[in-house]
Full PDB file with SEQRES, HELIX, SHEET, SSBOND, CRYST1, ORIGX, SCALE, CONECT and MASTER records, all heavy atoms in Angstrom:
SEQRES   1 A   34  ILE PRO VAL MET PHE GLY ALA SER LEU LEU LYS ILE VAL          
SEQRES   2 A   34  LYS PHE GLY PHE GLU PHE THR SER LEU GLU LEU THR LEU          
SEQRES   3 A   34  LEU ILE THR GLY THR VAL VAL SER                              
HELIX    1 AA1 PRO A    2  PHE A   15  1                                  14    
HELIX    2 AA2 SER A   21  VAL A   33  1                                  13    
CRYST1    1.000    1.000    1.000  90.00  90.00  90.00 P 1           1          
ORIGX1      1.000000  0.000000  0.000000        0.00000                         
ORIGX2      0.000000  1.000000  0.000000        0.00000                         
ORIGX3      0.000000  0.000000  1.000000        0.00000                         
SCALE1      1.000000  0.000000  0.000000        0.00000                         
SCALE2      0.000000  1.000000  0.000000        0.00000                         
SCALE3      0.000000  0.000000  1.000000        0.00000                         
ATOM      1  N   ILE A   1    -125.779 314.752  -6.318  1.00  0.00           N  
ATOM      2  CA  ILE A   1    -124.869 313.931  -5.511  1.00  0.00           C  
ATOM      3  C   ILE A   1    -123.932 313.102  -6.394  1.00  0.00           C  
ATOM      4  O   ILE A   1    -122.707 313.248  -6.298  1.00  0.00           O  
ATOM      5  CB  ILE A   1    -125.656 313.046  -4.528  1.00  0.00           C  
ATOM      6  CG1 ILE A   1    -126.425 313.919  -3.530  1.00  0.00           C  
ATOM      7  CG2 ILE A   1    -124.708 312.112  -3.777  1.00  0.00           C  
ATOM      8  CD1 ILE A   1    -127.359 313.156  -2.617  1.00  0.00           C  
ATOM      9  N   PRO A   2    -124.441 312.234  -7.281  1.00  0.00           N  
ATOM     10  CA  PRO A   2    -123.504 311.482  -8.128  1.00  0.00           C  
ATOM     11  C   PRO A   2    -122.816 312.345  -9.172  1.00  0.00           C  
ATOM     12  O   PRO A   2    -121.646 312.117  -9.496  1.00  0.00           O  
ATOM     13  CB  PRO A   2    -124.399 310.419  -8.784  1.00  0.00           C  
ATOM     14  CG  PRO A   2    -125.775 310.993  -8.750  1.00  0.00           C  
ATOM     15  CD  PRO A   2    -125.843 311.802  -7.495  1.00  0.00           C  
ATOM     16  N   VAL A   3    -123.521 313.352  -9.697  1.00  0.00           N  
ATOM     17  CA  VAL A   3    -122.946 314.180 -10.759  1.00  0.00           C  
ATOM     18  C   VAL A   3    -121.756 314.985 -10.248  1.00  0.00           C  
ATOM     19  O   VAL A   3    -120.671 314.986 -10.842  1.00  0.00           O  
ATOM     20  CB  VAL A   3    -124.018 315.136 -11.329  1.00  0.00           C  
ATOM     21  CG1 VAL A   3    -123.367 316.180 -12.239  1.00  0.00           C  
ATOM     22  CG2 VAL A   3    -125.061 314.352 -12.111  1.00  0.00           C  
ATOM     23  N   MET A   4    -121.943 315.669  -9.124  1.00  0.00           N  
ATOM     24  CA  MET A   4    -120.887 316.526  -8.605  1.00  0.00           C  
ATOM     25  C   MET A   4    -119.750 315.712  -8.006  1.00  0.00           C  
ATOM     26  O   MET A   4    -118.583 316.100  -8.078  1.00  0.00           O  
ATOM     27  CB  MET A   4    -121.469 317.506  -7.599  1.00  0.00           C  
ATOM     28  CG  MET A   4    -122.390 318.536  -8.268  1.00  0.00           C  
ATOM     29  SD  MET A   4    -123.509 319.395  -7.134  1.00  0.00           S  
ATOM     30  CE  MET A   4    -122.360 320.214  -6.064  1.00  0.00           C  
ATOM     31  N   PHE A   5    -120.083 314.571  -7.404  1.00  0.00           N  
ATOM     32  CA  PHE A   5    -119.031 313.698  -6.900  1.00  0.00           C  
ATOM     33  C   PHE A   5    -118.181 313.186  -8.060  1.00  0.00           C  
ATOM     34  O   PHE A   5    -116.937 313.175  -7.985  1.00  0.00           O  
ATOM     35  CB  PHE A   5    -119.630 312.524  -6.133  1.00  0.00           C  
ATOM     36  CG  PHE A   5    -118.594 311.577  -5.592  1.00  0.00           C  
ATOM     37  CD1 PHE A   5    -117.924 311.871  -4.413  1.00  0.00           C  
ATOM     38  CD2 PHE A   5    -118.288 310.408  -6.276  1.00  0.00           C  
ATOM     39  CE1 PHE A   5    -116.947 311.001  -3.915  1.00  0.00           C  
ATOM     40  CE2 PHE A   5    -117.313 309.539  -5.792  1.00  0.00           C  
ATOM     41  CZ  PHE A   5    -116.649 309.838  -4.607  1.00  0.00           C  
ATOM     42  N   GLY A   6    -118.836 312.764  -9.137  1.00  0.00           N  
ATOM     43  CA  GLY A   6    -118.105 312.274 -10.306  1.00  0.00           C  
ATOM     44  C   GLY A   6    -117.248 313.350 -10.945  1.00  0.00           C  
ATOM     45  O   GLY A   6    -116.101 313.098 -11.319  1.00  0.00           O  
ATOM     46  N   ALA A   7    -117.807 314.563 -11.077  1.00  0.00           N  
ATOM     47  CA  ALA A   7    -117.048 315.670 -11.677  1.00  0.00           C  
ATOM     48  C   ALA A   7    -115.835 316.021 -10.827  1.00  0.00           C  
ATOM     49  O   ALA A   7    -114.740 316.285 -11.349  1.00  0.00           O  
ATOM     50  CB  ALA A   7    -117.952 316.885 -11.838  1.00  0.00           C  
ATOM     51  N   SER A   8    -116.009 316.023  -9.506  1.00  0.00           N  
ATOM     52  CA  SER A   8    -114.905 316.340  -8.595  1.00  0.00           C  
ATOM     53  C   SER A   8    -113.815 315.284  -8.685  1.00  0.00           C  
ATOM     54  O   SER A   8    -112.619 315.601  -8.735  1.00  0.00           O  
ATOM     55  CB  SER A   8    -115.421 316.445  -7.153  1.00  0.00           C  
ATOM     56  OG  SER A   8    -116.374 317.484  -7.037  1.00  0.00           O  
ATOM     57  N   LEU A   9    -114.227 314.020  -8.707  1.00  0.00           N  
ATOM     58  CA  LEU A   9    -113.258 312.930  -8.796  1.00  0.00           C  
ATOM     59  C   LEU A   9    -112.477 313.007 -10.106  1.00  0.00           C  
ATOM     60  O   LEU A   9    -111.247 312.817 -10.123  1.00  0.00           O  
ATOM     61  CB  LEU A   9    -113.978 311.584  -8.696  1.00  0.00           C  
ATOM     62  CG  LEU A   9    -113.098 310.331  -8.732  1.00  0.00           C  
ATOM     63  CD1 LEU A   9    -112.132 310.335  -7.549  1.00  0.00           C  
ATOM     64  CD2 LEU A   9    -113.956 309.074  -8.719  1.00  0.00           C  
ATOM     65  N   LEU A  10    -113.176 313.335 -11.194  1.00  0.00           N  
ATOM     66  CA  LEU A  10    -112.527 313.439 -12.500  1.00  0.00           C  
ATOM     67  C   LEU A  10    -111.476 314.551 -12.506  1.00  0.00           C  
ATOM     68  O   LEU A  10    -110.363 314.380 -13.018  1.00  0.00           O  
ATOM     69  CB  LEU A  10    -113.579 313.704 -13.586  1.00  0.00           C  
ATOM     70  CG  LEU A  10    -113.097 313.788 -15.037  1.00  0.00           C  
ATOM     71  CD1 LEU A  10    -112.479 312.467 -15.471  1.00  0.00           C  
ATOM     72  CD2 LEU A  10    -114.248 314.173 -15.966  1.00  0.00           C  
ATOM     73  N   LYS A  11    -111.812 315.693 -11.907  1.00  0.00           N  
ATOM     74  CA  LYS A  11    -110.870 316.814 -11.847  1.00  0.00           C  
ATOM     75  C   LYS A  11    -109.653 316.481 -10.990  1.00  0.00           C  
ATOM     76  O   LYS A  11    -108.525 316.845 -11.329  1.00  0.00           O  
ATOM     77  CB  LYS A  11    -111.580 318.049 -11.293  1.00  0.00           C  
ATOM     78  CG  LYS A  11    -112.568 318.694 -12.243  1.00  0.00           C  
ATOM     79  CD  LYS A  11    -111.865 319.312 -13.441  1.00  0.00           C  
ATOM     80  CE  LYS A  11    -112.858 320.033 -14.339  1.00  0.00           C  
ATOM     81  NZ  LYS A  11    -112.201 320.633 -15.529  1.00  0.00           N  
ATOM     82  N   ILE A  12    -109.890 315.808  -9.855  1.00  0.00           N  
ATOM     83  CA  ILE A  12    -108.773 315.448  -8.973  1.00  0.00           C  
ATOM     84  C   ILE A  12    -107.835 314.474  -9.677  1.00  0.00           C  
ATOM     85  O   ILE A  12    -106.603 314.603  -9.605  1.00  0.00           O  
ATOM     86  CB  ILE A  12    -109.297 314.837  -7.657  1.00  0.00           C  
ATOM     87  CG1 ILE A  12    -109.993 315.914  -6.813  1.00  0.00           C  
ATOM     88  CG2 ILE A  12    -108.148 314.226  -6.857  1.00  0.00           C  
ATOM     89  CD1 ILE A  12    -110.598 315.385  -5.527  1.00  0.00           C  
ATOM     90  N   VAL A  13    -108.392 313.492 -10.374  1.00  0.00           N  
ATOM     91  CA  VAL A  13    -107.579 312.510 -11.092  1.00  0.00           C  
ATOM     92  C   VAL A  13    -106.742 313.202 -12.162  1.00  0.00           C  
ATOM     93  O   VAL A  13    -105.548 312.913 -12.335  1.00  0.00           O  
ATOM     94  CB  VAL A  13    -108.466 311.419 -11.710  1.00  0.00           C  
ATOM     95  CG1 VAL A  13    -107.660 310.540 -12.662  1.00  0.00           C  
ATOM     96  CG2 VAL A  13    -109.089 310.563 -10.617  1.00  0.00           C  
ATOM     97  N   LYS A  14    -107.355 314.135 -12.898  1.00  0.00           N  
ATOM     98  CA  LYS A  14    -106.629 314.843 -13.947  1.00  0.00           C  
ATOM     99  C   LYS A  14    -105.556 315.759 -13.367  1.00  0.00           C  
ATOM    100  O   LYS A  14    -104.478 315.915 -13.940  1.00  0.00           O  
ATOM    101  CB  LYS A  14    -107.600 315.654 -14.812  1.00  0.00           C  
ATOM    102  CG  LYS A  14    -108.471 314.800 -15.718  1.00  0.00           C  
ATOM    103  CD  LYS A  14    -109.341 315.660 -16.616  1.00  0.00           C  
ATOM    104  CE  LYS A  14    -110.141 314.793 -17.580  1.00  0.00           C  
ATOM    105  NZ  LYS A  14    -110.985 315.607 -18.492  1.00  0.00           N  
ATOM    106  N   PHE A  15    -105.845 316.378 -12.226  1.00  0.00           N  
ATOM    107  CA  PHE A  15    -104.883 317.280 -11.590  1.00  0.00           C  
ATOM    108  C   PHE A  15    -103.751 316.491 -10.948  1.00  0.00           C  
ATOM    109  O   PHE A  15    -102.595 316.907 -10.953  1.00  0.00           O  
ATOM    110  CB  PHE A  15    -105.587 318.130 -10.520  1.00  0.00           C  
ATOM    111  CG  PHE A  15    -104.677 319.086  -9.801  1.00  0.00           C  
ATOM    112  CD1 PHE A  15    -104.340 320.314 -10.366  1.00  0.00           C  
ATOM    113  CD2 PHE A  15    -104.156 318.766  -8.553  1.00  0.00           C  
ATOM    114  CE1 PHE A  15    -103.508 321.200  -9.700  1.00  0.00           C  
ATOM    115  CE2 PHE A  15    -103.323 319.644  -7.874  1.00  0.00           C  
ATOM    116  CZ  PHE A  15    -102.993 320.862  -8.450  1.00  0.00           C  
ATOM    117  N   GLY A  16    -104.088 315.325 -10.419  1.00  0.00           N  
ATOM    118  CA  GLY A  16    -103.110 314.528  -9.682  1.00  0.00           C  
ATOM    119  C   GLY A  16    -103.323 314.708  -8.188  1.00  0.00           C  
ATOM    120  O   GLY A  16    -103.978 315.652  -7.751  1.00  0.00           O  
ATOM    121  N   PHE A  17    -102.750 313.822  -7.409  1.00  0.00           N  
ATOM    122  CA  PHE A  17    -102.962 313.859  -5.963  1.00  0.00           C  
ATOM    123  C   PHE A  17    -101.790 314.496  -5.220  1.00  0.00           C  
ATOM    124  O   PHE A  17    -101.661 314.346  -4.015  1.00  0.00           O  
ATOM    125  CB  PHE A  17    -103.207 312.436  -5.447  1.00  0.00           C  
ATOM    126  CG  PHE A  17    -104.506 311.846  -5.923  1.00  0.00           C  
ATOM    127  CD1 PHE A  17    -104.570 311.149  -7.116  1.00  0.00           C  
ATOM    128  CD2 PHE A  17    -105.675 312.019  -5.183  1.00  0.00           C  
ATOM    129  CE1 PHE A  17    -105.769 310.605  -7.566  1.00  0.00           C  
ATOM    130  CE2 PHE A  17    -106.874 311.482  -5.620  1.00  0.00           C  
ATOM    131  CZ  PHE A  17    -106.927 310.781  -6.813  1.00  0.00           C  
ATOM    132  N   GLU A  18    -100.940 315.199  -5.946  1.00  0.00           N  
ATOM    133  CA  GLU A  18     -99.796 315.860  -5.331  1.00  0.00           C  
ATOM    134  C   GLU A  18    -100.130 317.337  -5.111  1.00  0.00           C  
ATOM    135  O   GLU A  18    -100.055 318.149  -6.032  1.00  0.00           O  
ATOM    136  CB  GLU A  18     -98.556 315.709  -6.199  1.00  0.00           C  
ATOM    137  CG  GLU A  18     -98.101 314.267  -6.359  1.00  0.00           C  
ATOM    138  CD  GLU A  18     -96.835 314.148  -7.192  1.00  0.00           C  
ATOM    139  OE1 GLU A  18     -96.305 315.210  -7.603  1.00  0.00           O  
ATOM    140  OE2 GLU A  18     -96.390 313.021  -7.427  1.00  0.00           O  
ATOM    141  N   PHE A  19    -100.522 317.670  -3.894  1.00  0.00           N  
ATOM    142  CA  PHE A  19    -100.855 319.038  -3.534  1.00  0.00           C  
ATOM    143  C   PHE A  19     -99.745 319.641  -2.689  1.00  0.00           C  
ATOM    144  O   PHE A  19     -99.109 318.943  -1.888  1.00  0.00           O  
ATOM    145  CB  PHE A  19    -102.156 319.090  -2.713  1.00  0.00           C  
ATOM    146  CG  PHE A  19    -103.359 318.534  -3.420  1.00  0.00           C  
ATOM    147  CD1 PHE A  19    -103.763 317.226  -3.208  1.00  0.00           C  
ATOM    148  CD2 PHE A  19    -104.081 319.324  -4.294  1.00  0.00           C  
ATOM    149  CE1 PHE A  19    -104.872 316.710  -3.850  1.00  0.00           C  
ATOM    150  CE2 PHE A  19    -105.194 318.818  -4.936  1.00  0.00           C  
ATOM    151  CZ  PHE A  19    -105.590 317.505  -4.720  1.00  0.00           C  
ATOM    152  N   THR A  20     -99.536 320.931  -2.845  1.00  0.00           N  
ATOM    153  CA  THR A  20     -98.704 321.627  -1.877  1.00  0.00           C  
ATOM    154  C   THR A  20     -99.528 321.782  -0.596  1.00  0.00           C  
ATOM    155  O   THR A  20    -100.763 321.635  -0.613  1.00  0.00           O  
ATOM    156  CB  THR A  20     -98.268 323.006  -2.381  1.00  0.00           C  
ATOM    157  OG1 THR A  20     -99.440 323.844  -2.512  1.00  0.00           O  
ATOM    158  CG2 THR A  20     -97.579 322.904  -3.740  1.00  0.00           C  
ATOM    159  N   SER A  21     -98.871 322.084   0.505  1.00  0.00           N  
ATOM    160  CA  SER A  21     -99.608 322.250   1.766  1.00  0.00           C  
ATOM    161  C   SER A  21    -100.613 323.382   1.655  1.00  0.00           C  
ATOM    162  O   SER A  21    -101.723 323.295   2.201  1.00  0.00           O  
ATOM    163  CB  SER A  21     -98.630 322.514   2.914  1.00  0.00           C  
ATOM    164  OG  SER A  21     -97.847 323.668   2.656  1.00  0.00           O  
ATOM    165  N   LEU A  22    -100.264 324.451   0.946  1.00  0.00           N  
ATOM    166  CA  LEU A  22    -101.196 325.573   0.785  1.00  0.00           C  
ATOM    167  C   LEU A  22    -102.387 325.160  -0.070  1.00  0.00           C  
ATOM    168  O   LEU A  22    -103.535 325.488   0.260  1.00  0.00           O  
ATOM    169  CB  LEU A  22    -100.492 326.770   0.155  1.00  0.00           C  
ATOM    170  CG  LEU A  22    -101.390 327.987  -0.128  1.00  0.00           C  
ATOM    171  CD1 LEU A  22    -102.036 328.505   1.154  1.00  0.00           C  
ATOM    172  CD2 LEU A  22    -100.599 329.103  -0.819  1.00  0.00           C  
ATOM    173  N   GLU A  23    -102.136 324.451  -1.163  1.00  0.00           N  
ATOM    174  CA  GLU A  23    -103.237 324.017  -2.023  1.00  0.00           C  
ATOM    175  C   GLU A  23    -104.214 323.140  -1.254  1.00  0.00           C  
ATOM    176  O   GLU A  23    -105.443 323.294  -1.389  1.00  0.00           O  
ATOM    177  CB  GLU A  23    -102.685 323.256  -3.230  1.00  0.00           C  
ATOM    178  CG  GLU A  23    -101.993 324.142  -4.251  1.00  0.00           C  
ATOM    179  CD  GLU A  23    -101.338 323.363  -5.373  1.00  0.00           C  
ATOM    180  OE1 GLU A  23    -101.108 322.145  -5.191  1.00  0.00           O  
ATOM    181  OE2 GLU A  23    -101.063 323.959  -6.431  1.00  0.00           O  
ATOM    182  N   LEU A  24    -103.702 322.213  -0.457  1.00  0.00           N  
ATOM    183  CA  LEU A  24    -104.575 321.342   0.315  1.00  0.00           C  
ATOM    184  C   LEU A  24    -105.369 322.140   1.349  1.00  0.00           C  
ATOM    185  O   LEU A  24    -106.567 321.892   1.549  1.00  0.00           O  
ATOM    186  CB  LEU A  24    -103.740 320.268   1.023  1.00  0.00           C  
ATOM    187  CG  LEU A  24    -104.527 319.165   1.749  1.00  0.00           C  
ATOM    188  CD1 LEU A  24    -105.451 318.437   0.786  1.00  0.00           C  
ATOM    189  CD2 LEU A  24    -103.581 318.186   2.428  1.00  0.00           C  
ATOM    190  N   THR A  25    -104.733 323.114   1.972  1.00  0.00           N  
ATOM    191  CA  THR A  25    -105.421 323.967   2.949  1.00  0.00           C  
ATOM    192  C   THR A  25    -106.532 324.766   2.282  1.00  0.00           C  
ATOM    193  O   THR A  25    -107.650 324.873   2.816  1.00  0.00           O  
ATOM    194  CB  THR A  25    -104.427 324.933   3.617  1.00  0.00           C  
ATOM    195  OG1 THR A  25    -103.411 324.184   4.287  1.00  0.00           O  
ATOM    196  CG2 THR A  25    -105.131 325.840   4.620  1.00  0.00           C  
ATOM    197  N   LEU A  26    -106.255 325.313   1.110  1.00  0.00           N  
ATOM    198  CA  LEU A  26    -107.258 326.101   0.379  1.00  0.00           C  
ATOM    199  C   LEU A  26    -108.430 325.215  -0.030  1.00  0.00           C  
ATOM    200  O   LEU A  26    -109.597 325.625   0.065  1.00  0.00           O  
ATOM    201  CB  LEU A  26    -106.632 326.739  -0.858  1.00  0.00           C  
ATOM    202  CG  LEU A  26    -105.525 327.774  -0.623  1.00  0.00           C  
ATOM    203  CD1 LEU A  26    -104.965 328.267  -1.951  1.00  0.00           C  
ATOM    204  CD2 LEU A  26    -106.046 328.944   0.200  1.00  0.00           C  
ATOM    205  N   LEU A  27    -108.129 324.007  -0.474  1.00  0.00           N  
ATOM    206  CA  LEU A  27    -109.177 323.088  -0.923  1.00  0.00           C  
ATOM    207  C   LEU A  27    -110.087 322.693   0.233  1.00  0.00           C  
ATOM    208  O   LEU A  27    -111.323 322.699   0.100  1.00  0.00           O  
ATOM    209  CB  LEU A  27    -108.527 321.851  -1.537  1.00  0.00           C  
ATOM    210  CG  LEU A  27    -109.411 320.951  -2.400  1.00  0.00           C  
ATOM    211  CD1 LEU A  27    -109.995 321.724  -3.572  1.00  0.00           C  
ATOM    212  CD2 LEU A  27    -108.601 319.758  -2.896  1.00  0.00           C  
ATOM    213  N   ILE A  28    -109.497 322.360   1.371  1.00  0.00           N  
ATOM    214  CA  ILE A  28    -110.288 321.974   2.533  1.00  0.00           C  
ATOM    215  C   ILE A  28    -111.111 323.152   3.035  1.00  0.00           C  
ATOM    216  O   ILE A  28    -112.305 323.006   3.360  1.00  0.00           O  
ATOM    217  CB  ILE A  28    -109.374 321.442   3.654  1.00  0.00           C  
ATOM    218  CG1 ILE A  28    -108.735 320.113   3.227  1.00  0.00           C  
ATOM    219  CG2 ILE A  28    -110.158 321.261   4.956  1.00  0.00           C  
ATOM    220  CD1 ILE A  28    -107.690 319.598   4.188  1.00  0.00           C  
ATOM    221  N   THR A  29    -110.505 324.328   3.083  1.00  0.00           N  
ATOM    222  CA  THR A  29    -111.213 325.527   3.556  1.00  0.00           C  
ATOM    223  C   THR A  29    -112.417 325.839   2.678  1.00  0.00           C  
ATOM    224  O   THR A  29    -113.531 326.044   3.172  1.00  0.00           O  
ATOM    225  CB  THR A  29    -110.264 326.739   3.569  1.00  0.00           C  
ATOM    226  OG1 THR A  29    -109.163 326.474   4.442  1.00  0.00           O  
ATOM    227  CG2 THR A  29    -110.991 327.991   4.039  1.00  0.00           C  
ATOM    228  N   GLY A  30    -112.207 325.867   1.363  1.00  0.00           N  
ATOM    229  CA  GLY A  30    -113.306 326.159   0.444  1.00  0.00           C  
ATOM    230  C   GLY A  30    -114.416 325.142   0.533  1.00  0.00           C  
ATOM    231  O   GLY A  30    -115.607 325.484   0.485  1.00  0.00           O  
ATOM    232  N   THR A  31    -114.072 323.866   0.705  1.00  0.00           N  
ATOM    233  CA  THR A  31    -115.062 322.795   0.790  1.00  0.00           C  
ATOM    234  C   THR A  31    -115.898 322.901   2.059  1.00  0.00           C  
ATOM    235  O   THR A  31    -117.129 322.765   2.027  1.00  0.00           O  
ATOM    236  CB  THR A  31    -114.365 321.424   0.734  1.00  0.00           C  
ATOM    237  OG1 THR A  31    -113.620 321.315  -0.488  1.00  0.00           O  
ATOM    238  CG2 THR A  31    -115.384 320.297   0.797  1.00  0.00           C  
ATOM    239  N   VAL A  32    -115.235 323.144   3.187  1.00  0.00           N  
ATOM    240  CA  VAL A  32    -115.947 323.254   4.469  1.00  0.00           C  
ATOM    241  C   VAL A  32    -116.882 324.461   4.462  1.00  0.00           C  
ATOM    242  O   VAL A  32    -118.042 324.366   4.888  1.00  0.00           O  
ATOM    243  CB  VAL A  32    -114.943 323.355   5.640  1.00  0.00           C  
ATOM    244  CG1 VAL A  32    -115.663 323.704   6.930  1.00  0.00           C  
ATOM    245  CG2 VAL A  32    -114.174 322.053   5.795  1.00  0.00           C  
ATOM    246  N   VAL A  33    -116.402 325.586   3.967  1.00  0.00           N  
ATOM    247  CA  VAL A  33    -117.244 326.789   3.918  1.00  0.00           C  
ATOM    248  C   VAL A  33    -118.423 326.568   2.983  1.00  0.00           C  
ATOM    249  O   VAL A  33    -119.559 326.962   3.290  1.00  0.00           O  
ATOM    250  CB  VAL A  33    -116.415 328.008   3.459  1.00  0.00           C  
ATOM    251  CG1 VAL A  33    -117.319 329.215   3.231  1.00  0.00           C  
ATOM    252  CG2 VAL A  33    -115.346 328.346   4.497  1.00  0.00           C  
ATOM    253  N   SER A  34    -118.170 325.926   1.844  1.00  0.00           N  
ATOM    254  CA  SER A  34    -119.247 325.620   0.897  1.00  0.00           C  
ATOM    255  C   SER A  34    -120.321 324.769   1.555  1.00  0.00           C  
ATOM    256  O   SER A  34    -121.523 324.976   1.336  1.00  0.00           O  
ATOM    257  CB  SER A  34    -118.666 324.898  -0.321  1.00  0.00           C  
ATOM    258  OG  SER A  34    -119.686 324.436  -1.175  1.00  0.00           O  
TER     259      SER A  34                                                      
MASTER        0    0    0    2    0    0    0    6  258    1    0    3          
END                                                                             
């Protein structure tokens, strides 16, 4: 729980919070299915 949350937050910060609409859709889809 803390490890994966921290790793995810670190990747998002490094990537930035500017997603295209497709990127955001893909991210939400993959997360929900997971």
